[in-house]
Amino acid sequence: MLVVGLTGGIGSGKTTVANMFGELGVPVYNSDQEARRLMQSSGKIREAILALMGDEAYKDGEPDRQYIAGRVFGNSELLNRLNGIIHPEVKADFRQWALQQQTPYVMQEAAVLFENGSYKKFDKMVLVTAPEATRIERIIQRDDTSSEAVKARMGHQWDDSRKAALSDFVIENKSLDETRSQVRKIHRQLMETSG
């Protein structure tokens, strides 16, 4: 079974693309969703986050994402320590999940596969790109935030040209029809490769 990484900068539309692969019968592991689930369900993660950030990090047994985001925003050391708690658990959870799938290939969707070096562990990498102005507009609408805040978040990610050089496939996500057609083409190639 091939293990495929799916990534893209904030606002590129990687979740839309992941859903398109899902519609073709590909099992897709959404790292952000699963990290949220693990932050809630894993006692090990909860204890480590409480030790790192204090009791305010959880409210009524739920992670207080706004508080946590506020603490790590602009504090790369604290963000790295938080990622050091969550990322290994997500990786282990993904491995367990992948073993249960019975398909020619599985896909893991995650934002920072290049930035954290984990792209090297995938058989193939798919990068989703979109024009910067489009990405900023999407995130402003989705998160009800400012363009300055979006640009600050973009600043923590590699630019697309650097990621494209390390990718097996690049999907330019401008229109849904074009994107769907690119997804189908890549799906066919991955099915052939997985043999």
C-alpha atoms as a PDB file:
ATOM      1  CA  MET A   1       0.000   0.000   0.000  1.00  0.00           C
ATOM      2  CA  LEU A   2       1.277   3.455  -0.950  1.00  0.00           C
ATOM      3  CA  VAL A   3       1.275   6.152   1.713  1.00  0.00           C
ATOM      4  CA  VAL A   4       0.649   9.574   0.160  1.00  0.00           C
ATOM      5  CA  GLY A   5       1.109  12.942   1.838  1.00  0.00           C
ATOM      6  CA  LEU A   6      -1.247  15.802   0.933  1.00  0.00           C
ATOM      7  CA  THR A   7      -0.217  19.292   1.912  1.00  0.00           C
ATOM      8  CA  GLY A   8      -0.515  22.940   0.945  1.00  0.00           C
ATOM      9  CA  GLY A   9      -0.206  26.381   2.446  1.00  0.00           C
ATOM     10  CA  ILE A  10      -2.958  27.890   4.556  1.00  0.00           C
ATOM     11  CA  GLY A  11      -5.979  28.683   2.373  1.00  0.00           C
ATOM     12  CA  SER A  12      -4.763  26.609  -0.590  1.00  0.00           C
ATOM     13  CA  GLY A  13      -7.811  24.335  -0.411  1.00  0.00           C
ATOM     14  CA  LYS A  14      -6.124  21.103   0.671  1.00  0.00           C
ATOM     15  CA  THR A  15      -9.233  19.967   2.593  1.00  0.00           C
ATOM     16  CA  THR A  16     -11.360  20.486  -0.543  1.00  0.00           C
ATOM     17  CA  VAL A  17      -8.842  18.393  -2.481  1.00  0.00           C
ATOM     18  CA  ALA A  18      -8.764  15.754   0.291  1.00  0.00           C
ATOM     19  CA  ASN A  19     -12.566  15.491   0.056  1.00  0.00           C
ATOM     20  CA  MET A  20     -12.287  14.973  -3.725  1.00  0.00           C
ATOM     21  CA  PHE A  21      -9.882  12.060  -3.158  1.00  0.00           C
ATOM     22  CA  GLY A  22     -12.299  10.754  -0.513  1.00  0.00           C
ATOM     23  CA  GLU A  23     -15.133  10.805  -3.069  1.00  0.00           C
ATOM     24  CA  LEU A  24     -12.975   8.497  -5.235  1.00  0.00           C
ATOM     25  CA  GLY A  25     -12.827   5.965  -2.378  1.00  0.00           C
ATOM     26  CA  VAL A  26      -9.413   6.954  -1.008  1.00  0.00           C
ATOM     27  CA  PRO A  27      -9.154   6.790   2.796  1.00  0.00           C
ATOM     28  CA  VAL A  28      -7.923  10.234   3.929  1.00  0.00           C
ATOM     29  CA  TYR A  29      -6.575  10.957   7.417  1.00  0.00           C
ATOM     30  CA  ASN A  30      -7.148  14.614   8.354  1.00  0.00           C
ATOM     31  CA  SER A  31      -4.286  15.421  10.746  1.00  0.00           C
ATOM     32  CA  ASP A  32      -5.876  18.629  12.125  1.00  0.00           C
ATOM     33  CA  GLN A  33      -9.169  16.909  12.980  1.00  0.00           C
ATOM     34  CA  GLU A  34      -7.401  13.926  14.497  1.00  0.00           C
ATOM     35  CA  ALA A  35      -5.053  16.171  16.522  1.00  0.00           C
ATOM     36  CA  ARG A  36      -8.131  17.917  17.964  1.00  0.00           C
ATOM     37  CA  ARG A  37      -9.692  14.546  18.799  1.00  0.00           C
ATOM     38  CA  LEU A  38      -6.473  13.347  20.474  1.00  0.00           C
ATOM     39  CA  MET A  39      -6.105  16.597  22.454  1.00  0.00           C
ATOM     40  CA  GLN A  40      -9.533  15.839  23.868  1.00  0.00           C
ATOM     41  CA  SER A  41      -9.324  12.061  24.324  1.00  0.00           C
ATOM     42  CA  SER A  42      -5.680  11.356  25.211  1.00  0.00           C
ATOM     43  CA  GLY A  43      -4.818  11.708  28.887  1.00  0.00           C
ATOM     44  CA  LYS A  44      -1.127  11.683  27.986  1.00  0.00           C
ATOM     45  CA  ILE A  45      -1.515  14.720  25.674  1.00  0.00           C
ATOM     46  CA  ARG A  46      -3.777  16.539  28.148  1.00  0.00           C
ATOM     47  CA  GLU A  47      -1.275  16.132  31.015  1.00  0.00           C
ATOM     48  CA  ALA A  48       1.631  17.316  28.857  1.00  0.00           C
ATOM     49  CA  ILE A  49      -0.297  20.387  27.589  1.00  0.00           C
ATOM     50  CA  LEU A  50      -1.452  21.291  31.116  1.00  0.00           C
ATOM     51  CA  ALA A  51       2.168  21.018  32.321  1.00  0.00           C
ATOM     52  CA  LEU A  52       3.329  23.223  29.436  1.00  0.00           C
ATOM     53  CA  MET A  53       0.563  25.861  29.463  1.00  0.00           C
ATOM     54  CA  GLY A  54      -1.217  25.680  32.809  1.00  0.00           C
ATOM     55  CA  ASP A  55      -4.801  24.881  33.821  1.00  0.00           C
ATOM     56  CA  GLU A  56      -6.296  27.505  31.466  1.00  0.00           C
ATOM     57  CA  ALA A  57      -5.380  25.284  28.499  1.00  0.00           C
ATOM     58  CA  TYR A  58      -8.463  23.120  29.195  1.00  0.00           C
ATOM     59  CA  LYS A  59     -11.955  24.365  30.015  1.00  0.00           C
ATOM     60  CA  ASP A  60     -14.568  21.840  31.240  1.00  0.00           C
ATOM     61  CA  GLY A  61     -12.374  18.976  30.031  1.00  0.00           C
ATOM     62  CA  GLU A  62     -12.077  20.427  26.510  1.00  0.00           C
ATOM     63  CA  PRO A  63      -8.918  22.011  25.068  1.00  0.00           C
ATOM     64  CA  ASP A  64      -9.348  25.805  24.972  1.00  0.00           C
ATOM     65  CA  ARG A  65      -8.035  26.253  21.440  1.00  0.00           C
ATOM     66  CA  GLN A  66      -8.336  30.034  21.517  1.00  0.00           C
ATOM     67  CA  TYR A  67      -6.232  30.251  24.691  1.00  0.00           C
ATOM     68  CA  ILE A  68      -3.653  27.786  23.317  1.00  0.00           C
ATOM     69  CA  ALA A  69      -3.457  29.602  19.955  1.00  0.00           C
ATOM     70  CA  GLY A  70      -3.045  32.934  21.757  1.00  0.00           C
ATOM     71  CA  ARG A  71      -0.164  31.542  23.827  1.00  0.00           C
ATOM     72  CA  VAL A  72       1.761  30.057  20.881  1.00  0.00           C
ATOM     73  CA  PHE A  73       1.116  32.893  18.407  1.00  0.00           C
ATOM     74  CA  GLY A  74       4.432  34.689  17.919  1.00  0.00           C
ATOM     75  CA  ASN A  75       6.192  32.322  20.361  1.00  0.00           C
ATOM     76  CA  SER A  76       7.984  29.792  18.169  1.00  0.00           C
ATOM     77  CA  GLU A  77       9.659  28.033  21.120  1.00  0.00           C
ATOM     78  CA  LEU A  78       6.314  27.354  22.823  1.00  0.00           C
ATOM     79  CA  LEU A  79       4.771  26.319  19.482  1.00  0.00           C
ATOM     80  CA  ASN A  80       7.636  23.862  18.886  1.00  0.00           C
ATOM     81  CA  ARG A  81       7.163  22.388  22.361  1.00  0.00           C
ATOM     82  CA  LEU A  82       3.401  22.034  21.791  1.00  0.00           C
ATOM     83  CA  ASN A  83       4.028  20.380  18.409  1.00  0.00           C
ATOM     84  CA  GLY A  84       6.530  18.090  20.144  1.00  0.00           C
ATOM     85  CA  ILE A  85       3.647  16.838  22.313  1.00  0.00           C
ATOM     86  CA  ILE A  86       0.988  16.485  19.603  1.00  0.00           C
ATOM     87  CA  HIS A  87       2.844  15.497  16.402  1.00  0.00           C
ATOM     88  CA  PRO A  88       4.344  12.186  17.645  1.00  0.00           C
ATOM     89  CA  GLU A  89       0.901  11.084  18.897  1.00  0.00           C
ATOM     90  CA  VAL A  90      -0.738  11.998  15.571  1.00  0.00           C
ATOM     91  CA  LYS A  91       1.999  10.086  13.702  1.00  0.00           C
ATOM     92  CA  ALA A  92       1.425   6.977  15.820  1.00  0.00           C
ATOM     93  CA  ASP A  93      -2.358   7.294  15.411  1.00  0.00           C
ATOM     94  CA  PHE A  94      -1.965   7.640  11.627  1.00  0.00           C
ATOM     95  CA  ARG A  95       0.209   4.494  11.464  1.00  0.00           C
ATOM     96  CA  GLN A  96      -2.439   2.499  13.378  1.00  0.00           C
ATOM     97  CA  TRP A  97      -5.205   3.890  11.159  1.00  0.00           C
ATOM     98  CA  ALA A  98      -3.290   3.129   7.924  1.00  0.00           C
ATOM     99  CA  LEU A  99      -2.783  -0.514   8.951  1.00  0.00           C
ATOM    100  CA  GLN A 100      -6.569  -0.946   9.117  1.00  0.00           C
ATOM    101  CA  GLN A 101      -7.173   0.280   5.539  1.00  0.00           C
ATOM    102  CA  GLN A 102      -7.587  -2.194   2.679  1.00  0.00           C
ATOM    103  CA  THR A 103      -6.916   0.052  -0.326  1.00  0.00           C
ATOM    104  CA  PRO A 104      -4.128   0.501  -2.913  1.00  0.00           C
ATOM    105  CA  TYR A 105      -3.155   3.778  -1.228  1.00  0.00           C
ATOM    106  CA  VAL A 106      -4.003   5.977   1.751  1.00  0.00           C
ATOM    107  CA  MET A 107      -3.537   9.710   2.160  1.00  0.00           C
ATOM    108  CA  GLN A 108      -2.577  11.877   5.112  1.00  0.00           C
ATOM    109  CA  GLU A 109      -3.610  15.522   4.910  1.00  0.00           C
ATOM    110  CA  ALA A 110      -1.457  17.862   7.006  1.00  0.00           C
ATOM    111  CA  ALA A 111      -0.338  21.486   6.809  1.00  0.00           C
ATOM    112  CA  VAL A 112       3.379  21.307   7.595  1.00  0.00           C
ATOM    113  CA  LEU A 113       4.699  18.048   6.123  1.00  0.00           C
ATOM    114  CA  PHE A 114       7.610  19.832   4.461  1.00  0.00           C
ATOM    115  CA  GLU A 115       8.369  22.262   7.266  1.00  0.00           C
ATOM    116  CA  ASN A 116       8.682  19.491   9.881  1.00  0.00           C
ATOM    117  CA  GLY A 117      10.600  17.115   7.581  1.00  0.00           C
ATOM    118  CA  SER A 118       8.014  14.319   7.707  1.00  0.00           C
ATOM    119  CA  TYR A 119       7.478  14.477   3.908  1.00  0.00           C
ATOM    120  CA  LYS A 120      10.465  12.102   3.660  1.00  0.00           C
ATOM    121  CA  LYS A 121       8.374   9.290   5.182  1.00  0.00           C
ATOM    122  CA  PHE A 122       5.773   9.303   2.361  1.00  0.00           C
ATOM    123  CA  ASP A 123       5.913   7.292  -0.858  1.00  0.00           C
ATOM    124  CA  LYS A 124       4.441  10.208  -2.819  1.00  0.00           C
ATOM    125  CA  MET A 125       3.716  13.875  -2.060  1.00  0.00           C
ATOM    126  CA  VAL A 126       0.804  15.932  -3.423  1.00  0.00           C
ATOM    127  CA  LEU A 127       0.995  19.720  -3.046  1.00  0.00           C
ATOM    128  CA  VAL A 128      -2.055  21.985  -3.360  1.00  0.00           C
ATOM    129  CA  THR A 129      -1.364  25.575  -4.417  1.00  0.00           C
ATOM    130  CA  ALA A 130      -3.481  28.658  -5.072  1.00  0.00           C
ATOM    131  CA  PRO A 131      -2.683  32.314  -5.793  1.00  0.00           C
ATOM    132  CA  GLU A 132      -1.714  34.189  -2.610  1.00  0.00           C
ATOM    133  CA  ALA A 133      -4.534  36.745  -2.954  1.00  0.00           C
ATOM    134  CA  THR A 134      -7.074  33.908  -3.223  1.00  0.00           C
ATOM    135  CA  ARG A 135      -5.614  32.170  -0.171  1.00  0.00           C
ATOM    136  CA  ILE A 136      -5.728  35.349   1.916  1.00  0.00           C
ATOM    137  CA  GLU A 137      -9.330  36.021   0.871  1.00  0.00           C
ATOM    138  CA  ARG A 138     -10.405  32.437   1.739  1.00  0.00           C
ATOM    139  CA  ILE A 139      -8.861  32.565   5.223  1.00  0.00           C
ATOM    140  CA  ILE A 140     -10.276  36.025   6.015  1.00  0.00           C
ATOM    141  CA  GLN A 141     -13.747  34.678   5.181  1.00  0.00           C
ATOM    142  CA  ARG A 142     -13.272  31.308   6.899  1.00  0.00           C
ATOM    143  CA  ASP A 143     -11.686  32.537  10.138  1.00  0.00           C
ATOM    144  CA  ASP A 144     -13.155  36.068  10.268  1.00  0.00           C
ATOM    145  CA  THR A 145      -9.652  37.514  10.639  1.00  0.00           C
ATOM    146  CA  SER A 146      -7.448  40.247   9.138  1.00  0.00           C
ATOM    147  CA  SER A 147      -5.101  39.988   6.160  1.00  0.00           C
ATOM    148  CA  GLU A 148      -2.197  40.871   8.511  1.00  0.00           C
ATOM    149  CA  ALA A 149      -3.019  37.875  10.734  1.00  0.00           C
ATOM    150  CA  VAL A 150      -3.244  35.588   7.677  1.00  0.00           C
ATOM    151  CA  LYS A 151       0.101  36.844   6.323  1.00  0.00           C
ATOM    152  CA  ALA A 152       1.703  36.246   9.730  1.00  0.00           C
ATOM    153  CA  ARG A 153       0.464  32.632   9.659  1.00  0.00           C
ATOM    154  CA  MET A 154       1.699  32.238   6.059  1.00  0.00           C
ATOM    155  CA  GLY A 155       5.108  33.427   7.214  1.00  0.00           C
ATOM    156  CA  HIS A 156       5.501  30.209   9.249  1.00  0.00           C
ATOM    157  CA  GLN A 157       5.139  28.042   6.124  1.00  0.00           C
ATOM    158  CA  TRP A 158       7.532  27.452   3.226  1.00  0.00           C
ATOM    159  CA  ASP A 159       6.650  29.147  -0.046  1.00  0.00           C
ATOM    160  CA  ASP A 160       5.056  27.024  -2.764  1.00  0.00           C
ATOM    161  CA  SER A 161       8.079  26.949  -5.089  1.00  0.00           C
ATOM    162  CA  ARG A 162      10.223  25.367  -2.374  1.00  0.00           C
ATOM    163  CA  LYS A 163       7.524  22.738  -1.661  1.00  0.00           C
ATOM    164  CA  ALA A 164       6.805  22.101  -5.362  1.00  0.00           C
ATOM    165  CA  ALA A 165      10.446  21.147  -5.941  1.00  0.00           C
ATOM    166  CA  LEU A 166      10.000  18.275  -3.444  1.00  0.00           C
ATOM    167  CA  SER A 167       6.506  17.189  -4.585  1.00  0.00           C
ATOM    168  CA  ASP A 168       5.525  14.384  -6.958  1.00  0.00           C
ATOM    169  CA  PHE A 169       2.287  16.137  -7.950  1.00  0.00           C
ATOM    170  CA  VAL A 170       1.176  19.780  -7.787  1.00  0.00           C
ATOM    171  CA  ILE A 171      -2.519  20.708  -7.956  1.00  0.00           C
ATOM    172  CA  GLU A 172      -3.226  24.321  -8.818  1.00  0.00           C
ATOM    173  CA  ASN A 173      -6.531  24.972  -7.076  1.00  0.00           C
ATOM    174  CA  LYS A 174      -8.138  27.830  -9.003  1.00  0.00           C
ATOM    175  CA  SER A 175     -11.481  26.406 -10.137  1.00  0.00           C
ATOM    176  CA  LEU A 176     -13.293  23.373  -8.690  1.00  0.00           C
ATOM    177  CA  ASP A 177     -13.785  21.719 -12.098  1.00  0.00           C
ATOM    178  CA  GLU A 178     -10.094  22.017 -13.016  1.00  0.00           C
ATOM    179  CA  THR A 179      -9.070  20.842  -9.566  1.00  0.00           C
ATOM    180  CA  ARG A 180     -11.398  17.815  -9.742  1.00  0.00           C
ATOM    181  CA  SER A 181      -9.941  16.872 -13.113  1.00  0.00           C
ATOM    182  CA  GLN A 182      -6.366  17.130 -11.722  1.00  0.00           C
ATOM    183  CA  VAL A 183      -7.383  14.969  -8.735  1.00  0.00           C
ATOM    184  CA  ARG A 184      -8.823  12.260 -11.030  1.00  0.00           C
ATOM    185  CA  LYS A 185      -5.646  12.224 -13.134  1.00  0.00           C
ATOM    186  CA  ILE A 186      -3.394  11.911 -10.045  1.00  0.00           C
ATOM    187  CA  HIS A 187      -5.696   9.220  -8.617  1.00  0.00           C
ATOM    188  CA  ARG A 188      -5.311   7.154 -11.806  1.00  0.00           C
ATOM    189  CA  GLN A 189      -1.517   7.513 -11.654  1.00  0.00           C
ATOM    190  CA  LEU A 190      -1.397   6.540  -7.970  1.00  0.00           C
ATOM    191  CA  MET A 191      -3.619   3.502  -8.627  1.00  0.00           C
ATOM    192  CA  GLU A 192      -1.232   2.414 -11.426  1.00  0.00           C
ATOM    193  CA  THR A 193       1.848   3.003  -9.253  1.00  0.00           C
ATOM    194  CA  SER A 194       0.377   1.023  -6.361  1.00  0.00           C
ATOM    195  CA  GLY A 195      -0.013  -1.775  -8.874  1.00  0.00           C
END
